[in-house]
């Protein structure tokens, strides 16, 4: 028995995930990543997909933070009518 299988066989209950399920999930992640989306014909390692996923999530967090800062600045510099309009558009 391989060391990978012996480690997984020690886990109890029905929480095991098959290698096929892992491969399917990695493939789905790959399709969500702009840099890897069009590389379906090229074999990309699961480790690369997971690393790129982490990097992509970090970049999305930075983008959200940047947009939030820019929106705050816009609302502070706008008159109350414009700020109210922007707020109402955001709530839709």
N, C-alpha and C. Protein backbone atom coordinates (compact mmCIF):
# COMPACT_ATOMS: atom_id res chain seq x y z
N UNK A 1 0.84 -1.17 0.00
CA UNK A 1 0.00 0.00 0.00
C UNK A 1 0.89 1.24 0.00
N UNK A 2 0.58 2.21 -0.84
CA UNK A 2 1.41 3.40 -0.91
C UNK A 2 1.24 4.24 0.34
N UNK A 3 2.20 5.13 0.59
CA UNK A 3 2.11 5.96 1.78
C UNK A 3 0.91 6.89 1.70
N UNK A 4 0.54 7.32 0.48
CA UNK A 4 -0.63 8.19 0.31
C UNK A 4 -1.88 7.44 0.73
N UNK A 5 -2.01 6.20 0.27
CA UNK A 5 -3.20 5.43 0.62
C UNK A 5 -3.23 5.09 2.10
N UNK A 6 -2.09 4.79 2.68
CA UNK A 6 -2.09 4.41 4.09
C UNK A 6 -2.46 5.62 4.95
N UNK A 7 -2.06 6.80 4.55
CA UNK A 7 -2.46 7.99 5.29
C UNK A 7 -3.95 8.21 5.18
N UNK A 8 -4.51 8.07 3.98
CA UNK A 8 -5.94 8.32 3.81
C UNK A 8 -6.78 7.23 4.45
N UNK A 9 -6.25 6.02 4.54
CA UNK A 9 -7.03 4.95 5.14
C UNK A 9 -7.15 5.11 6.65
N UNK A 10 -6.31 5.94 7.25
CA UNK A 10 -6.38 6.17 8.69
C UNK A 10 -7.52 7.11 9.06
N UNK A 11 -8.00 7.91 8.08
CA UNK A 11 -9.08 8.84 8.36
C UNK A 11 -10.37 8.06 8.57
N UNK A 12 -11.17 8.52 9.51
CA UNK A 12 -12.40 7.79 9.81
C UNK A 12 -13.60 8.46 9.17
N UNK A 13 -14.69 7.72 9.07
CA UNK A 13 -15.94 8.27 8.58
C UNK A 13 -15.98 8.36 7.08
N UNK A 14 -17.04 8.97 6.59
CA UNK A 14 -17.27 9.09 5.16
C UNK A 14 -16.75 10.38 4.58
N UNK A 15 -15.78 10.99 5.21
CA UNK A 15 -15.28 12.28 4.75
C UNK A 15 -14.18 12.15 3.71
N UNK A 16 -13.91 10.94 3.25
CA UNK A 16 -12.86 10.75 2.24
C UNK A 16 -13.31 11.30 0.91
N UNK A 17 -12.36 11.79 0.17
CA UNK A 17 -12.63 12.30 -1.17
C UNK A 17 -11.74 11.52 -2.13
N UNK A 18 -12.32 11.09 -3.22
CA UNK A 18 -11.56 10.26 -4.15
C UNK A 18 -10.60 11.10 -4.97
N UNK A 19 -9.64 10.44 -5.55
CA UNK A 19 -8.68 11.13 -6.41
C UNK A 19 -9.39 11.72 -7.63
N UNK A 20 -10.40 11.02 -8.14
CA UNK A 20 -11.18 11.56 -9.27
C UNK A 20 -11.91 12.84 -8.88
N UNK A 21 -12.45 12.87 -7.66
CA UNK A 21 -13.14 14.07 -7.20
C UNK A 21 -12.16 15.23 -7.06
N UNK A 22 -10.98 14.94 -6.54
CA UNK A 22 -9.96 15.97 -6.41
C UNK A 22 -9.58 16.49 -7.79
N UNK A 23 -9.35 15.60 -8.73
CA UNK A 23 -8.99 16.02 -10.08
C UNK A 23 -10.09 16.86 -10.71
N UNK A 24 -11.35 16.49 -10.47
CA UNK A 24 -12.47 17.25 -11.01
C UNK A 24 -12.51 18.65 -10.40
N UNK A 25 -12.30 18.74 -9.10
CA UNK A 25 -12.31 20.04 -8.44
C UNK A 25 -11.14 20.92 -8.89
N UNK A 26 -9.98 20.34 -9.07
CA UNK A 26 -8.83 21.08 -9.56
C UNK A 26 -9.11 21.59 -10.97
N UNK A 27 -9.73 20.77 -11.79
CA UNK A 27 -10.09 21.18 -13.15
C UNK A 27 -11.08 22.34 -13.12
N UNK A 28 -12.04 22.27 -12.22
CA UNK A 28 -13.01 23.37 -12.09
C UNK A 28 -12.33 24.66 -11.64
N UNK A 29 -11.41 24.55 -10.70
CA UNK A 29 -10.64 25.72 -10.27
C UNK A 29 -9.86 26.31 -11.44
N UNK A 30 -9.24 25.45 -12.22
CA UNK A 30 -8.44 25.89 -13.36
C UNK A 30 -9.30 26.72 -14.32
N UNK A 31 -10.56 26.31 -14.51
CA UNK A 31 -11.45 27.03 -15.42
C UNK A 31 -11.85 28.40 -14.87
N UNK A 32 -11.71 28.60 -13.57
CA UNK A 32 -12.05 29.88 -12.97
C UNK A 32 -10.89 30.88 -13.00
N UNK A 33 -9.70 30.40 -13.28
CA UNK A 33 -8.52 31.26 -13.27
C UNK A 33 -8.23 31.80 -14.65
N UNK A 34 -8.22 33.13 -14.81
CA UNK A 34 -8.00 33.71 -16.14
C UNK A 34 -6.70 33.23 -16.80
N UNK A 35 -5.64 33.12 -16.04
CA UNK A 35 -4.35 32.72 -16.62
C UNK A 35 -4.33 31.27 -17.10
N UNK A 36 -5.13 30.42 -16.48
CA UNK A 36 -5.09 28.99 -16.81
C UNK A 36 -6.32 28.52 -17.57
N UNK A 37 -7.32 29.35 -17.71
CA UNK A 37 -8.60 28.95 -18.30
C UNK A 37 -8.43 28.35 -19.69
N UNK A 38 -7.60 28.94 -20.50
CA UNK A 38 -7.45 28.50 -21.89
C UNK A 38 -6.34 27.48 -22.09
N UNK A 39 -5.85 26.91 -21.03
CA UNK A 39 -4.75 25.94 -21.12
C UNK A 39 -5.24 24.52 -20.88
N UNK A 40 -6.49 24.25 -21.21
CA UNK A 40 -7.04 22.92 -20.92
C UNK A 40 -6.29 21.81 -21.67
N UNK A 41 -5.71 22.15 -22.84
CA UNK A 41 -4.98 21.12 -23.57
C UNK A 41 -3.61 20.85 -22.94
N UNK A 42 -3.06 21.85 -22.26
CA UNK A 42 -1.78 21.67 -21.57
C UNK A 42 -2.04 21.09 -20.19
N UNK A 43 -1.23 20.16 -19.80
CA UNK A 43 -1.35 19.56 -18.47
C UNK A 43 -0.74 20.53 -17.46
N UNK A 44 -1.56 20.94 -16.51
CA UNK A 44 -1.11 21.84 -15.46
C UNK A 44 -1.22 21.07 -14.15
N UNK A 45 -0.19 21.14 -13.34
CA UNK A 45 -0.20 20.36 -12.09
C UNK A 45 -1.23 20.94 -11.12
N UNK A 46 -1.72 20.07 -10.26
CA UNK A 46 -2.68 20.49 -9.24
C UNK A 46 -2.04 21.52 -8.32
N UNK A 47 -0.77 21.35 -8.02
CA UNK A 47 -0.07 22.30 -7.16
C UNK A 47 -0.05 23.69 -7.81
N UNK A 48 0.17 23.74 -9.10
CA UNK A 48 0.18 25.02 -9.83
C UNK A 48 -1.21 25.66 -9.80
N UNK A 49 -2.23 24.85 -10.00
CA UNK A 49 -3.60 25.38 -9.98
C UNK A 49 -3.93 25.93 -8.59
N UNK A 50 -3.56 25.21 -7.54
CA UNK A 50 -3.83 25.67 -6.19
C UNK A 50 -3.04 26.94 -5.85
N UNK A 51 -1.78 27.00 -6.27
CA UNK A 51 -0.97 28.20 -6.02
C UNK A 51 -1.54 29.39 -6.77
N UNK A 52 -1.90 29.19 -8.04
CA UNK A 52 -2.48 30.28 -8.83
C UNK A 52 -3.84 30.72 -8.28
N UNK A 53 -4.59 29.77 -7.72
CA UNK A 53 -5.87 30.11 -7.10
C UNK A 53 -5.65 31.02 -5.89
N UNK A 54 -4.68 30.66 -5.06
CA UNK A 54 -4.37 31.50 -3.89
C UNK A 54 -3.93 32.90 -4.33
N UNK A 55 -3.06 32.97 -5.33
CA UNK A 55 -2.59 34.26 -5.84
C UNK A 55 -3.74 35.09 -6.40
N UNK A 56 -4.64 34.43 -7.13
CA UNK A 56 -5.77 35.13 -7.73
C UNK A 56 -6.72 35.67 -6.66
N UNK A 57 -6.97 34.89 -5.63
CA UNK A 57 -7.84 35.35 -4.54
C UNK A 57 -7.20 36.54 -3.84
N UNK A 58 -5.89 36.48 -3.61
CA UNK A 58 -5.19 37.62 -3.00
C UNK A 58 -5.32 38.87 -3.87
N UNK A 59 -5.17 38.71 -5.19
CA UNK A 59 -5.28 39.88 -6.07
C UNK A 59 -6.70 40.43 -6.09
N UNK A 60 -7.71 39.55 -5.99
CA UNK A 60 -9.08 40.02 -5.92
C UNK A 60 -9.33 40.79 -4.63
N UNK A 61 -8.75 40.31 -3.52
CA UNK A 61 -8.88 41.03 -2.25
C UNK A 61 -8.26 42.43 -2.36
N UNK A 62 -7.09 42.51 -2.98
CA UNK A 62 -6.44 43.82 -3.15
C UNK A 62 -7.29 44.73 -4.02
N UNK A 63 -7.86 44.18 -5.07
CA UNK A 63 -8.71 44.97 -5.97
C UNK A 63 -9.96 45.48 -5.25
N UNK A 64 -10.58 44.63 -4.45
CA UNK A 64 -11.75 45.05 -3.67
C UNK A 64 -11.36 46.17 -2.70
N UNK A 65 -10.24 46.01 -2.02
CA UNK A 65 -9.78 47.04 -1.08
C UNK A 65 -9.53 48.35 -1.81
N UNK A 66 -8.89 48.28 -2.97
CA UNK A 66 -8.60 49.49 -3.75
C UNK A 66 -9.90 50.16 -4.21
N UNK A 67 -10.83 49.38 -4.70
CA UNK A 67 -12.10 49.95 -5.16
C UNK A 67 -12.89 50.54 -3.99
N UNK A 68 -12.82 49.90 -2.84
CA UNK A 68 -13.50 50.43 -1.66
C UNK A 68 -12.90 51.77 -1.25
N UNK A 69 -11.58 51.86 -1.28
CA UNK A 69 -10.91 53.13 -0.96
C UNK A 69 -11.29 54.21 -1.95
N UNK A 70 -11.30 53.86 -3.23
CA UNK A 70 -11.66 54.84 -4.25
C UNK A 70 -13.10 55.30 -4.11
N UNK A 71 -14.00 54.39 -3.78
CA UNK A 71 -15.40 54.74 -3.58
C UNK A 71 -15.56 55.65 -2.37
N UNK A 72 -14.84 55.35 -1.30
CA UNK A 72 -14.90 56.21 -0.11
C UNK A 72 -14.43 57.62 -0.43
N UNK A 73 -13.34 57.71 -1.19
CA UNK A 73 -12.84 59.03 -1.59
C UNK A 73 -13.85 59.77 -2.45
N UNK A 74 -14.49 59.05 -3.35
CA UNK A 74 -15.48 59.66 -4.23
C UNK A 74 -16.67 60.17 -3.42
N UNK A 75 -17.13 59.36 -2.47
CA UNK A 75 -18.26 59.78 -1.66
C UNK A 75 -17.93 60.97 -0.77
N UNK A 76 -16.70 61.03 -0.28
CA UNK A 76 -16.28 62.16 0.56
C UNK A 76 -16.15 63.44 -0.24
N UNK A 77 -15.73 63.33 -1.52
CA UNK A 77 -15.51 64.52 -2.32
C UNK A 77 -16.76 64.98 -3.07
N UNK A 78 -17.79 64.15 -3.10
CA UNK A 78 -19.02 64.50 -3.79
C UNK A 78 -19.93 65.31 -2.89
N UNK A 79 -20.79 66.14 -3.53
CA UNK A 79 -21.78 66.82 -2.71
C UNK A 79 -22.82 65.81 -2.24
N UNK A 80 -23.67 66.21 -1.35
CA UNK A 80 -24.59 65.25 -0.72
C UNK A 80 -25.56 64.65 -1.72
N UNK A 81 -25.97 65.39 -2.74
CA UNK A 81 -26.89 64.85 -3.75
C UNK A 81 -26.22 63.75 -4.55
N UNK A 82 -24.98 64.00 -5.00
CA UNK A 82 -24.24 62.98 -5.75
C UNK A 82 -23.95 61.77 -4.89
N UNK A 83 -23.56 62.00 -3.65
CA UNK A 83 -23.26 60.89 -2.74
C UNK A 83 -24.51 60.05 -2.51
N UNK A 84 -25.66 60.69 -2.34
CA UNK A 84 -26.92 59.96 -2.13
C UNK A 84 -27.26 59.14 -3.37
N UNK A 85 -27.04 59.71 -4.54
CA UNK A 85 -27.30 58.99 -5.79
C UNK A 85 -26.39 57.75 -5.90
N UNK A 86 -25.12 57.93 -5.60
CA UNK A 86 -24.16 56.81 -5.66
C UNK A 86 -24.57 55.73 -4.66
N UNK A 87 -24.92 56.13 -3.46
CA UNK A 87 -25.34 55.16 -2.44
C UNK A 87 -26.59 54.39 -2.89
N UNK A 88 -27.55 55.11 -3.49
CA UNK A 88 -28.77 54.43 -3.94
C UNK A 88 -28.47 53.44 -5.06
N UNK A 89 -27.53 53.79 -5.95
CA UNK A 89 -27.15 52.88 -7.03
C UNK A 89 -26.47 51.63 -6.47
N UNK A 90 -25.68 51.80 -5.43
CA UNK A 90 -24.98 50.67 -4.82
C UNK A 90 -25.93 49.72 -4.11
N UNK A 91 -27.03 50.25 -3.62
CA UNK A 91 -27.99 49.42 -2.88
C UNK A 91 -28.90 48.61 -3.78
N UNK A 92 -28.90 48.86 -5.07
CA UNK A 92 -29.78 48.13 -5.99
C UNK A 92 -29.32 46.74 -6.23
